[in-house]
Every structure is written in structure tokens, then in C-alpha cells.
Amino acid sequence: MKPKRTLLADTNRAAYTVYQALVSAGHDVWVVGANPQEPLAKIAPNYVQLNYSDSSKLADFIEEESFDFLVPGCTDVSYKSYAVVRQY
């Protein structure tokens, strides 16, 4: 069975446990964030530098990559972006 492609919109330390849980569940996890110096940006093999507060760019990226799931991270900005993008 092909792993589900999941996008986690966050790269900070607080999102690490979310990332680990998704990986442990067998997801092919990608992470996006503007700062390549954040912890998940440094360790995730599928990091893309993208400012997820820009909902239109985030929506375009999700459509281009055909993700199965979008998971907001641990910031209010990621939750807001999630709420906006799911309406596209």
C-alpha cells in the first residue's frame, strides 16, 4: 500500500511530536515553513521553503503535489492557513 502524502504546515520544535506521529503511522510527511533554520526544516527530508501564511501559495503547492492530508502545526498562523486553504 502506498503511504499517504501528508503536508505539515509548520517547522518549529513544537511540531516535532506531530511530525514523529505521522511518520510512525506510515505517512510520507512533507513540511513547509519560511525559515530553513527551524528544527523540522533541518531534519525532514521533504522540507520545502514556503511561507504557509500565504494561503494562495500554500493552496497552489497542495494542488501541485496532490497531498492526501494537510495538518496544521502548532501556531495560530498554521491553523488560520489551514482554515483558509480547506475552502479552496
C-alpha atoms as a PDB file:
ATOM      1  CA  MET A   1       0.000   0.000   0.000  1.00  0.00           C
ATOM      2  CA  LYS A   2       1.309   3.412  -0.976  1.00  0.00           C
ATOM      3  CA  PRO A   3       1.870   5.752   2.025  1.00  0.00           C
ATOM      4  CA  LYS A   4      -0.417   8.751   2.327  1.00  0.00           C
ATOM      5  CA  ARG A   5       1.258  12.018   1.377  1.00  0.00           C
ATOM      6  CA  THR A   6       0.800  14.441   4.218  1.00  0.00           C
ATOM      7  CA  LEU A   7       1.768  18.092   4.420  1.00  0.00           C
ATOM      8  CA  LEU A   8       2.575  19.509   7.848  1.00  0.00           C
ATOM      9  CA  ALA A   9       2.383  23.299   7.820  1.00  0.00           C
ATOM     10  CA  ASP A  10       4.989  24.018  10.479  1.00  0.00           C
ATOM     11  CA  THR A  11       8.696  23.541  11.041  1.00  0.00           C
ATOM     12  CA  ASN A  12       9.214  24.623  14.627  1.00  0.00           C
ATOM     13  CA  ARG A  13      10.182  22.457  17.581  1.00  0.00           C
ATOM     14  CA  ALA A  14       6.625  22.263  18.935  1.00  0.00           C
ATOM     15  CA  ALA A  15       5.506  20.422  15.773  1.00  0.00           C
ATOM     16  CA  TYR A  16       8.167  17.723  16.161  1.00  0.00           C
ATOM     17  CA  THR A  17       5.869  15.301  18.016  1.00  0.00           C
ATOM     18  CA  VAL A  18       3.172  15.764  15.365  1.00  0.00           C
ATOM     19  CA  TYR A  19       5.775  15.040  12.677  1.00  0.00           C
ATOM     20  CA  GLN A  20       7.019  11.922  14.504  1.00  0.00           C
ATOM     21  CA  ALA A  21       3.475  10.613  14.995  1.00  0.00           C
ATOM     22  CA  LEU A  22       2.704  10.998  11.285  1.00  0.00           C
ATOM     23  CA  VAL A  23       5.944   9.299  10.245  1.00  0.00           C
ATOM     24  CA  SER A  24       5.321   6.476  12.746  1.00  0.00           C
ATOM     25  CA  ALA A  25       1.847   5.999  11.278  1.00  0.00           C
ATOM     26  CA  GLY A  26       3.425   5.423   7.848  1.00  0.00           C
ATOM     27  CA  HIS A  27       2.762   8.782   6.211  1.00  0.00           C
ATOM     28  CA  ASP A  28       5.095  10.313   3.656  1.00  0.00           C
ATOM     29  CA  VAL A  29       5.413  13.624   5.523  1.00  0.00           C
ATOM     30  CA  TRP A  30       6.399  16.898   3.904  1.00  0.00           C
ATOM     31  CA  VAL A  31       6.899  20.088   5.899  1.00  0.00           C
ATOM     32  CA  VAL A  32       6.696  23.716   4.830  1.00  0.00           C
ATOM     33  CA  GLY A  33       7.892  26.859   6.529  1.00  0.00           C
ATOM     34  CA  ALA A  34       9.658  30.084   5.701  1.00  0.00           C
ATOM     35  CA  ASN A  35      12.725  29.578   7.894  1.00  0.00           C
ATOM     36  CA  PRO A  36      15.177  26.827   6.875  1.00  0.00           C
ATOM     37  CA  GLN A  37      16.847  27.136  10.292  1.00  0.00           C
ATOM     38  CA  GLU A  38      13.815  25.745  12.148  1.00  0.00           C
ATOM     39  CA  PRO A  39      14.247  22.227  13.605  1.00  0.00           C
ATOM     40  CA  LEU A  40      11.930  20.323  11.248  1.00  0.00           C
ATOM     41  CA  ALA A  41      13.301  22.165   8.241  1.00  0.00           C
ATOM     42  CA  LYS A  42      16.714  20.822   9.165  1.00  0.00           C
ATOM     43  CA  ILE A  43      15.733  17.198   9.807  1.00  0.00           C
ATOM     44  CA  ALA A  44      12.836  16.475   7.458  1.00  0.00           C
ATOM     45  CA  PRO A  45      13.956  15.048   4.113  1.00  0.00           C
ATOM     46  CA  ASN A  46      10.883  16.583   2.482  1.00  0.00           C
ATOM     47  CA  TYR A  47      11.223  20.221   3.545  1.00  0.00           C
ATOM     48  CA  VAL A  48      10.066  22.971   1.200  1.00  0.00           C
ATOM     49  CA  GLN A  49      10.763  26.611   1.973  1.00  0.00           C
ATOM     50  CA  LEU A  50       7.330  28.157   1.657  1.00  0.00           C
ATOM     51  CA  ASN A  51       5.695  30.750   3.877  1.00  0.00           C
ATOM     52  CA  TYR A  52       2.474  28.971   4.804  1.00  0.00           C
ATOM     53  CA  SER A  53       0.880  32.239   5.922  1.00  0.00           C
ATOM     54  CA  ASP A  54       0.462  32.974   2.199  1.00  0.00           C
ATOM     55  CA  SER A  55      -2.679  30.889   1.757  1.00  0.00           C
ATOM     56  CA  SER A  56      -2.806  31.172  -2.033  1.00  0.00           C
ATOM     57  CA  LYS A  57       0.767  29.888  -2.423  1.00  0.00           C
ATOM     58  CA  LEU A  58       0.058  27.145   0.079  1.00  0.00           C
ATOM     59  CA  ALA A  59      -3.078  26.123  -1.820  1.00  0.00           C
ATOM     60  CA  ASP A  60      -1.150  26.081  -5.107  1.00  0.00           C
ATOM     61  CA  PHE A  61       1.558  23.896  -3.577  1.00  0.00           C
ATOM     62  CA  ILE A  62      -1.011  21.465  -2.175  1.00  0.00           C
ATOM     63  CA  GLU A  63      -2.680  21.184  -5.569  1.00  0.00           C
ATOM     64  CA  GLU A  64       0.641  20.749  -7.422  1.00  0.00           C
ATOM     65  CA  GLU A  65       1.817  17.989  -5.108  1.00  0.00           C
ATOM     66  CA  SER A  66      -1.550  16.236  -4.654  1.00  0.00           C
ATOM     67  CA  PHE A  67      -1.302  15.753  -0.895  1.00  0.00           C
ATOM     68  CA  ASP A  68      -3.775  13.419   0.748  1.00  0.00           C
ATOM     69  CA  PHE A  69      -3.784  15.338   4.025  1.00  0.00           C
ATOM     70  CA  LEU A  70      -2.934  18.788   5.344  1.00  0.00           C
ATOM     71  CA  VAL A  71      -2.060  19.041   9.023  1.00  0.00           C
ATOM     72  CA  PRO A  72      -1.684  22.419  10.721  1.00  0.00           C
ATOM     73  CA  GLY A  73       1.245  22.759  13.059  1.00  0.00           C
ATOM     74  CA  CYS A  74       1.363  24.343  16.470  1.00  0.00           C
ATOM     75  CA  THR A  75       0.971  28.023  15.628  1.00  0.00           C
ATOM     76  CA  ASP A  76      -2.041  30.234  15.199  1.00  0.00           C
ATOM     77  CA  VAL A  77      -0.808  31.107  11.710  1.00  0.00           C
ATOM     78  CA  SER A  78      -0.767  27.467  10.615  1.00  0.00           C
ATOM     79  CA  TYR A  79      -4.313  26.976  11.940  1.00  0.00           C
ATOM     80  CA  LYS A  80      -5.522  30.089  10.118  1.00  0.00           C
ATOM     81  CA  SER A  81      -3.850  28.993   6.869  1.00  0.00           C
ATOM     82  CA  TYR A  82      -5.380  25.543   7.246  1.00  0.00           C
ATOM     83  CA  ALA A  83      -8.850  27.055   7.671  1.00  0.00           C
ATOM     84  CA  VAL A  84      -8.435  29.256   4.586  1.00  0.00           C
ATOM     85  CA  VAL A  85      -6.905  26.565   2.365  1.00  0.00           C
ATOM     86  CA  ARG A  86      -9.547  23.947   3.080  1.00  0.00           C
ATOM     87  CA  GLN A  87     -12.092  26.291   1.500  1.00  0.00           C
ATOM     88  CA  TYR A  88     -10.276  26.215  -1.880  1.00  0.00           C
END
